[in-house]
């Protein structure tokens, strides 16, 4: 679904931009608030992150499956810059520094997890992979997928279940460090 949003946002579609904003605002705010522990600054940072997406919309990668990692990276960078400014204006104690480093580590782990999941999805047989991506990335319902691919909804359900089983096994085998 993000690919469609990306294409529309690149064209300057405010409605798609609003959908993107509503889809990711809460999770980005929560992430930012955990980093800087300041509600007002978190709101500003997340708003600035979305503003940056709009300002540089012509540079968005239309091949990207999701804007989520991009939005998290922008927000993360804004948080770090904010904390650097705060540090200049007042001293940050050791606990805050350790907390910041902990969240930077968690962000890196999130990116590794996302890469491992992408690898696991890529390992699926072609039809199963297509069904899974239509369901999870495009947000289509089983009946919509079945209609689009000319298969039964029960087949879609079975293939999704098998995909999830494969993904669980793939991730349990230690592909995530």
Protein backbone atom coordinates (compact mmCIF):
# COMPACT_ATOMS: atom_id res chain seq x y z
CA UNK A 1 0.00 0.00 0.00
CA UNK A 2 2.89 2.38 0.70
CA UNK A 3 4.04 2.10 -2.92
CA UNK A 4 0.78 3.65 -4.06
CA UNK A 5 1.09 6.33 -1.38
CA UNK A 6 4.67 7.04 -2.44
CA UNK A 7 3.67 7.48 -6.08
CA UNK A 8 0.75 9.74 -5.16
CA UNK A 9 2.81 11.80 -2.73
CA UNK A 10 5.50 12.25 -5.37
CA UNK A 11 2.76 13.73 -7.58
CA UNK A 12 1.77 16.13 -4.77
CA UNK A 13 -1.41 14.38 -3.62
CA UNK A 14 -2.29 15.86 -0.23
CA UNK A 15 -4.89 13.16 0.44
CA UNK A 16 -2.22 10.41 0.21
CA UNK A 17 0.10 12.50 2.37
CA UNK A 18 -2.65 12.75 4.99
CA UNK A 19 -3.16 8.96 4.86
CA UNK A 20 0.59 8.47 5.41
CA UNK A 21 0.52 10.95 8.30
CA UNK A 22 -2.41 9.22 9.98
CA UNK A 23 -0.88 5.77 9.42
CA UNK A 24 2.48 6.50 11.06
CA UNK A 25 2.09 9.54 13.33
CA UNK A 26 1.26 7.66 16.53
CA UNK A 27 4.06 5.10 16.27
CA UNK A 28 6.62 7.78 15.39
CA UNK A 29 5.45 9.97 18.26
CA UNK A 30 5.77 7.05 20.70
CA UNK A 31 9.26 6.25 19.42
CA UNK A 32 10.34 9.89 19.63
CA UNK A 33 8.85 10.35 23.10
CA UNK A 34 10.77 7.30 24.38
CA UNK A 35 13.97 8.87 23.12
CA UNK A 36 13.59 12.42 24.36
CA UNK A 37 10.89 12.18 27.05
CA UNK A 38 9.28 15.49 26.06
CA UNK A 39 5.78 15.53 24.62
CA UNK A 40 5.86 18.96 22.95
CA UNK A 41 9.27 18.43 21.40
CA UNK A 42 8.20 14.98 20.23
CA UNK A 43 5.20 16.48 18.44
CA UNK A 44 7.43 19.06 16.76
CA UNK A 45 10.01 16.47 15.74
CA UNK A 46 7.45 14.11 14.23
CA UNK A 47 5.76 16.98 12.42
CA UNK A 48 9.15 18.09 11.10
CA UNK A 49 9.83 14.53 9.93
CA UNK A 50 6.62 14.50 7.91
CA UNK A 51 7.37 17.97 6.59
CA UNK A 52 10.73 16.69 5.36
CA UNK A 53 8.97 13.86 3.49
CA UNK A 54 6.73 16.42 1.80
CA UNK A 55 9.59 18.80 0.97
CA UNK A 56 11.64 16.02 -0.61
CA UNK A 57 8.72 14.02 -2.04
CA UNK A 58 10.19 14.16 -5.54
CA UNK A 59 13.14 12.13 -4.23
CA UNK A 60 11.07 9.35 -2.69
CA UNK A 61 11.94 5.90 -3.99
CA UNK A 62 8.90 4.58 -5.83
CA UNK A 63 10.37 1.07 -5.65
CA UNK A 64 10.43 1.13 -1.84
CA UNK A 65 7.94 -1.23 -0.26
CA UNK A 66 7.37 1.01 2.74
CA UNK A 67 8.07 4.49 3.97
CA UNK A 68 8.17 3.30 7.57
CA UNK A 69 11.97 2.74 7.80
CA UNK A 70 12.56 6.09 6.06
CA UNK A 71 10.22 7.89 8.49
CA UNK A 72 11.84 6.20 11.49
CA UNK A 73 15.30 7.19 10.27
CA UNK A 74 14.28 10.83 9.75
CA UNK A 75 12.61 10.95 13.17
CA UNK A 76 15.56 9.25 14.82
CA UNK A 77 17.97 11.77 13.30
CA UNK A 78 15.78 14.69 14.40
CA UNK A 79 15.70 13.24 17.94
CA UNK A 80 19.48 12.94 18.06
CA UNK A 81 19.86 16.51 16.80
CA UNK A 82 17.36 17.70 19.39
CA UNK A 83 19.22 15.92 22.18
CA UNK A 84 22.52 17.41 21.01
CA UNK A 85 20.98 20.89 21.23
CA UNK A 86 19.60 20.13 24.69
CA UNK A 87 23.02 18.90 25.75
CA UNK A 88 24.59 22.15 24.63
CA UNK A 89 22.07 24.14 26.64
CA UNK A 90 22.25 21.97 29.73
CA UNK A 91 24.13 18.94 30.85
CA UNK A 92 22.63 15.52 30.16
CA UNK A 93 23.31 13.04 32.91
CA UNK A 94 24.85 9.63 32.31
CA UNK A 95 21.48 7.87 32.50
CA UNK A 96 20.09 9.90 29.58
CA UNK A 97 23.17 9.17 27.48
CA UNK A 98 22.85 5.45 28.15
CA UNK A 99 19.13 5.58 27.33
CA UNK A 100 19.87 7.28 24.00
CA UNK A 101 22.47 4.67 23.12
CA UNK A 102 20.03 1.92 24.08
CA UNK A 103 17.38 3.27 21.72
CA UNK A 104 19.93 3.67 18.93
CA UNK A 105 20.78 -0.01 19.43
CA UNK A 106 17.09 -0.96 19.39
CA UNK A 107 16.61 0.99 16.16
CA UNK A 108 19.50 -0.90 14.56
CA UNK A 109 17.97 -4.20 15.75
CA UNK A 110 14.64 -3.15 14.22
CA UNK A 111 16.38 -2.61 10.88
CA UNK A 112 18.10 -6.02 11.14
CA UNK A 113 14.77 -7.65 11.94
CA UNK A 114 13.15 -5.98 8.96
CA UNK A 115 15.97 -7.19 6.69
CA UNK A 116 15.63 -10.75 8.06
CA UNK A 117 11.88 -10.68 7.44
CA UNK A 118 12.47 -9.44 3.89
CA UNK A 119 14.93 -12.32 3.35
CA UNK A 120 12.40 -14.79 4.71
CA UNK A 121 9.69 -13.42 2.41
CA UNK A 122 12.07 -13.64 -0.56
CA UNK A 123 12.64 -17.32 0.24
CA UNK A 124 8.94 -18.14 -0.23
CA UNK A 125 7.77 -19.84 -3.45
CA UNK A 126 6.61 -17.28 -6.04
CA UNK A 127 2.84 -17.69 -5.69
CA UNK A 128 2.99 -17.86 -1.89
CA UNK A 129 5.22 -14.78 -1.82
CA UNK A 130 2.83 -12.90 -4.13
CA UNK A 131 -0.17 -13.81 -1.96
CA UNK A 132 1.65 -12.86 1.24
CA UNK A 133 2.76 -9.48 -0.13
CA UNK A 134 -0.72 -8.68 -1.44
CA UNK A 135 -2.09 -9.44 2.01
CA UNK A 136 0.52 -7.85 4.24
CA UNK A 137 2.06 -5.08 2.14
CA UNK A 138 -0.90 -4.07 -0.01
CA UNK A 139 -3.51 -4.74 2.69
CA UNK A 140 -5.84 -6.72 0.42
CA UNK A 141 -8.44 -9.06 1.88
CA UNK A 142 -8.34 -12.77 1.12
CA UNK A 143 -11.32 -12.49 -1.22
CA UNK A 144 -9.69 -9.61 -3.11
CA UNK A 145 -6.47 -11.59 -3.51
CA UNK A 146 -8.39 -14.66 -4.64
CA UNK A 147 -10.29 -12.65 -7.21
CA UNK A 148 -7.15 -10.93 -8.48
CA UNK A 149 -5.20 -14.20 -8.84
CA UNK A 150 -8.10 -16.40 -9.94
CA UNK A 151 -7.84 -18.77 -6.96
CA UNK A 152 -10.14 -19.61 -4.07
CA UNK A 153 -10.13 -17.63 -0.82
CA UNK A 154 -9.42 -20.91 0.98
CA UNK A 155 -6.22 -21.29 -1.08
CA UNK A 156 -5.23 -17.77 -0.11
CA UNK A 157 -5.85 -18.57 3.56
CA UNK A 158 -3.80 -21.76 3.31
CA UNK A 159 -0.92 -20.00 1.58
CA UNK A 160 -0.88 -17.18 4.16
CA UNK A 161 -0.82 -19.76 6.98
CA UNK A 162 2.06 -21.59 5.29
CA UNK A 163 3.90 -18.31 4.73
CA UNK A 164 3.65 -17.41 8.40
CA UNK A 165 4.85 -20.87 9.41
CA UNK A 166 7.85 -20.55 7.08
CA UNK A 167 8.64 -17.05 8.38
CA UNK A 168 8.51 -18.23 12.00
CA UNK A 169 10.84 -21.14 11.25
CA UNK A 170 13.19 -18.90 9.29
CA UNK A 171 13.43 -16.39 12.13
CA UNK A 172 13.75 -19.06 14.84
CA UNK A 173 16.72 -20.65 13.07
CA UNK A 174 18.82 -17.72 14.19
CA UNK A 175 18.70 -15.48 11.17
CA UNK A 176 18.27 -12.60 13.61
CA UNK A 177 21.28 -11.75 15.70
